[in-house]
Amino acid sequence: MVDWLINVDRNLFLILNGLNNGFFDLIMFWVSDKLIWIPLYLFFLFLFIKKYKINTLWILLAVAILITCSDQSSVLIKNLVQRFRPCHDPILQMQVHTVYGKCGGKYSFPSSHATNFFALVFFIIPFLKSYWKFFPAALILWVSTICYSRIYLGVHYPGDVLAGSLLGAFLGWIFAKIFLNILPKINQFINKPD
């Protein structure tokens, strides 16, 4: 069963990674870059400040802890599983389309990009969904595009991205649930009369 899943994952990877051209090489390279999204992060920060005022500082602390947990958990699993990235896999190496010769670290399961971005999105959705009814769908589409870029760039299998997405979504959801319960208690403590 495991061998069958690995073969399906490899074949699906080859199909998705094979849908490449010069124009999308540039687009997907930048979509995958974490720093290009800084203006979007600043927009999220603006929305948080507008809605949550000073509590935004607590939310940012929670995001920092969440991303640290999601990133380290994905790295821990990578080091335990030790599945080669497609671009490092001796079986596929010659068939993988990479962009600008970038391949990344040795191991790929799960995708840290997918884990971290899905954790972030599933954390912020409960806080910001009231701004626009399509906000959750737009955020999931955004991170799904980033996840696809990892396959396009030849650095992750679809299974890596799926596992990272599920792990990240779970961590983001749990952190949001916990934090939404803690935030009122923090406010009570801070605003407690002397």
Protein backbone atom coordinates (compact mmCIF):
# COMPACT_ATOMS: atom_id res chain seq x y z
CA MET A 1 0.00 0.00 0.00
CA VAL A 2 2.79 2.44 0.94
CA ASP A 3 4.66 1.67 -2.30
CA TRP A 4 1.48 2.27 -4.29
CA LEU A 5 0.98 5.68 -2.61
CA ILE A 6 4.61 6.63 -3.25
CA ASN A 7 4.23 5.72 -6.94
CA VAL A 8 0.99 7.71 -7.25
CA ASP A 9 2.71 10.66 -5.54
CA ARG A 10 5.70 10.45 -7.91
CA ASN A 11 3.51 10.18 -11.02
CA LEU A 12 1.31 13.07 -9.93
CA PHE A 13 4.44 15.09 -9.19
CA LEU A 14 5.80 14.43 -12.70
CA ILE A 15 2.52 15.58 -14.26
CA LEU A 16 2.27 18.78 -12.17
CA ASN A 17 5.97 19.59 -12.36
CA GLY A 18 5.87 18.97 -16.12
CA LEU A 19 3.38 21.83 -16.64
CA ASN A 20 6.12 24.40 -16.91
CA ASN A 21 7.24 27.21 -19.18
CA GLY A 22 9.52 30.23 -18.97
CA PHE A 23 6.77 32.66 -17.95
CA PHE A 24 5.50 30.50 -15.07
CA ASP A 25 9.08 29.71 -13.99
CA LEU A 26 9.45 33.37 -13.02
CA ILE A 27 5.96 33.64 -11.50
CA MET A 28 6.24 30.47 -9.40
CA PHE A 29 9.75 31.35 -8.26
CA TRP A 30 8.41 34.60 -6.79
CA VAL A 31 5.15 33.09 -5.50
CA SER A 32 7.27 30.68 -3.46
CA ASP A 33 9.45 33.44 -2.00
CA LYS A 34 8.47 34.29 1.58
CA LEU A 35 9.64 37.90 1.48
CA ILE A 36 7.54 38.94 -1.52
CA TRP A 37 4.46 38.63 0.68
CA ILE A 38 5.60 41.31 3.17
CA PRO A 39 3.08 43.87 1.80
CA LEU A 40 0.29 41.33 2.38
CA TYR A 41 1.54 40.66 5.92
CA LEU A 42 1.51 44.42 6.55
CA PHE A 43 -2.07 44.55 5.27
CA PHE A 44 -3.01 41.78 7.72
CA LEU A 45 -1.26 43.75 10.47
CA PHE A 46 -3.29 46.84 9.53
CA LEU A 47 -6.53 44.81 9.75
CA PHE A 48 -5.52 43.42 13.14
CA ILE A 49 -4.64 46.85 14.52
CA LYS A 50 -7.89 48.30 13.19
CA LYS A 51 -9.99 45.59 14.83
CA TYR A 52 -8.00 44.53 17.90
CA LYS A 53 -6.02 47.68 18.79
CA ILE A 54 -3.42 46.98 21.51
CA ASN A 55 -4.35 43.28 21.57
CA THR A 56 -2.56 43.02 18.22
CA LEU A 57 0.68 42.71 20.20
CA TRP A 58 -0.63 39.55 21.88
CA ILE A 59 -1.82 38.23 18.52
CA LEU A 60 1.63 38.84 17.00
CA LEU A 61 3.23 36.98 19.90
CA ALA A 62 0.85 34.07 19.32
CA VAL A 63 1.71 34.09 15.58
CA ALA A 64 5.44 34.04 16.37
CA ILE A 65 4.99 31.05 18.71
CA LEU A 66 2.73 29.31 16.17
CA ILE A 67 5.16 29.70 13.26
CA THR A 68 8.05 28.52 15.43
CA CYS A 69 6.04 25.43 16.45
CA SER A 70 4.83 24.69 12.92
CA ASP A 71 8.26 25.16 11.36
CA GLN A 72 10.09 23.08 13.96
CA SER A 73 7.50 20.29 13.86
CA SER A 74 7.80 20.06 10.06
CA VAL A 75 11.61 19.98 10.31
CA LEU A 76 11.47 17.31 13.03
CA ILE A 77 9.21 15.13 10.85
CA LYS A 78 11.48 15.72 7.82
CA ASN A 79 14.48 14.50 9.77
CA LEU A 80 12.59 11.44 11.01
CA VAL A 81 11.06 10.44 7.65
CA GLN A 82 14.08 11.42 5.50
CA ARG A 83 12.26 11.40 2.17
CA PHE A 84 14.43 12.93 -0.55
CA ARG A 85 13.16 16.02 -2.33
CA PRO A 86 12.19 15.19 -5.93
CA CYS A 87 15.19 17.19 -7.17
CA HIS A 88 17.48 15.09 -4.92
CA ASP A 89 15.73 11.76 -5.56
CA PRO A 90 18.08 9.52 -7.63
CA ILE A 91 15.04 7.88 -9.28
CA LEU A 92 13.57 11.18 -10.54
CA GLN A 93 16.49 13.59 -10.56
CA MET A 94 16.87 13.71 -14.35
CA GLN A 95 13.13 14.21 -14.95
CA VAL A 96 12.56 17.05 -12.47
CA HIS A 97 12.11 20.59 -13.73
CA THR A 98 13.76 23.05 -11.34
CA VAL A 99 13.99 26.81 -11.66
CA TYR A 100 17.34 28.62 -11.51
CA GLY A 101 18.96 25.41 -10.24
CA LYS A 102 17.37 25.84 -6.80
CA CYS A 103 16.62 22.59 -5.00
CA GLY A 104 16.68 23.29 -1.27
CA GLY A 105 17.62 20.95 1.55
CA LYS A 106 17.88 17.21 1.28
CA TYR A 107 14.48 16.14 2.67
CA SER A 108 10.95 17.07 1.71
CA PHE A 109 8.25 15.44 3.87
CA PRO A 110 6.31 17.45 4.95
CA SER A 111 6.63 20.78 3.17
CA SER A 112 7.59 23.48 5.67
CA HIS A 113 6.16 26.14 3.32
CA ALA A 114 2.80 24.37 3.37
CA THR A 115 2.92 23.80 7.12
CA ASN A 116 3.81 27.39 7.98
CA PHE A 117 1.49 29.13 5.53
CA PHE A 118 -1.51 26.93 6.37
CA ALA A 119 -0.81 27.41 10.09
CA LEU A 120 -0.79 31.18 9.59
CA VAL A 121 -3.99 31.19 7.52
CA PHE A 122 -5.97 28.90 9.81
CA PHE A 123 -4.88 31.02 12.76
CA ILE A 124 -5.90 34.38 11.28
CA ILE A 125 -9.16 33.31 9.60
CA PRO A 126 -11.22 33.35 12.84
CA PHE A 127 -9.85 36.80 13.70
CA LEU A 128 -10.35 38.50 10.33
CA LYS A 129 -13.17 36.61 8.60
CA SER A 130 -15.69 39.34 9.50
CA TYR A 131 -14.04 41.81 7.08
CA TRP A 132 -15.19 40.03 3.93
CA LYS A 133 -17.28 36.89 3.49
CA PHE A 134 -14.84 35.46 0.91
CA PHE A 135 -11.80 36.17 3.08
CA PRO A 136 -11.29 32.53 4.23
CA ALA A 137 -11.62 31.18 0.65
CA ALA A 138 -9.24 33.87 -0.68
CA LEU A 139 -6.63 33.02 1.95
CA ILE A 140 -6.87 29.29 1.27
CA LEU A 141 -6.54 29.94 -2.48
CA TRP A 142 -3.49 32.12 -1.80
CA VAL A 143 -1.68 29.47 0.26
CA SER A 144 -2.74 26.69 -2.10
CA THR A 145 -1.05 28.60 -4.93
CA ILE A 146 2.11 28.86 -2.82
CA CYS A 147 1.91 25.11 -2.15
CA TYR A 148 1.51 24.34 -5.85
CA SER A 149 4.57 26.49 -6.55
CA ARG A 150 6.63 24.10 -4.42
CA ILE A 151 5.65 21.21 -6.70
CA TYR A 152 6.17 23.33 -9.83
CA LEU A 153 9.68 24.26 -8.64
CA GLY A 154 10.56 20.57 -8.20
CA VAL A 155 11.23 20.73 -4.46
CA HIS A 156 8.17 18.90 -3.10
CA TYR A 157 5.89 16.01 -3.97
CA PRO A 158 2.12 16.56 -3.79
CA GLY A 159 2.07 14.31 -0.71
CA ASP A 160 4.61 16.57 1.02
CA VAL A 161 2.40 19.57 0.38
CA LEU A 162 -0.78 17.78 1.44
CA ALA A 163 0.79 16.55 4.70
CA GLY A 164 2.24 19.99 5.44
CA SER A 165 -1.10 21.65 4.69
CA LEU A 166 -2.99 19.32 7.04
CA LEU A 167 -0.39 19.68 9.80
CA GLY A 168 -0.34 23.47 9.45
CA ALA A 169 -4.13 23.80 9.31
CA PHE A 170 -4.44 21.70 12.47
CA LEU A 171 -1.81 23.71 14.35
CA GLY A 172 -3.29 27.04 13.23
CA TRP A 173 -6.80 25.96 14.20
CA ILE A 174 -5.67 24.73 17.64
CA PHE A 175 -3.67 27.91 18.32
CA ALA A 176 -6.63 30.09 17.26
CA LYS A 177 -9.03 28.16 19.52
CA ILE A 178 -6.68 28.43 22.49
CA PHE A 179 -5.84 32.06 21.89
CA LEU A 180 -9.45 33.14 21.36
CA ASN A 181 -10.18 31.66 24.83
CA ILE A 182 -7.11 33.25 26.43
CA LEU A 183 -7.46 36.77 24.98
CA PRO A 184 -10.47 37.81 27.13
CA LYS A 185 -8.62 36.59 30.25
CA ILE A 186 -5.54 38.62 29.27
CA ASN A 187 -7.76 41.69 28.87
CA GLN A 188 -9.38 41.11 32.26
CA PHE A 189 -5.97 40.80 33.89
CA ILE A 190 -4.57 43.91 32.18
CA ASN A 191 -7.65 46.03 32.86
CA LYS A 192 -8.10 44.85 36.45
CA PRO A 193 -8.47 47.82 38.82
CA ASP A 194 -5.68 48.20 41.38
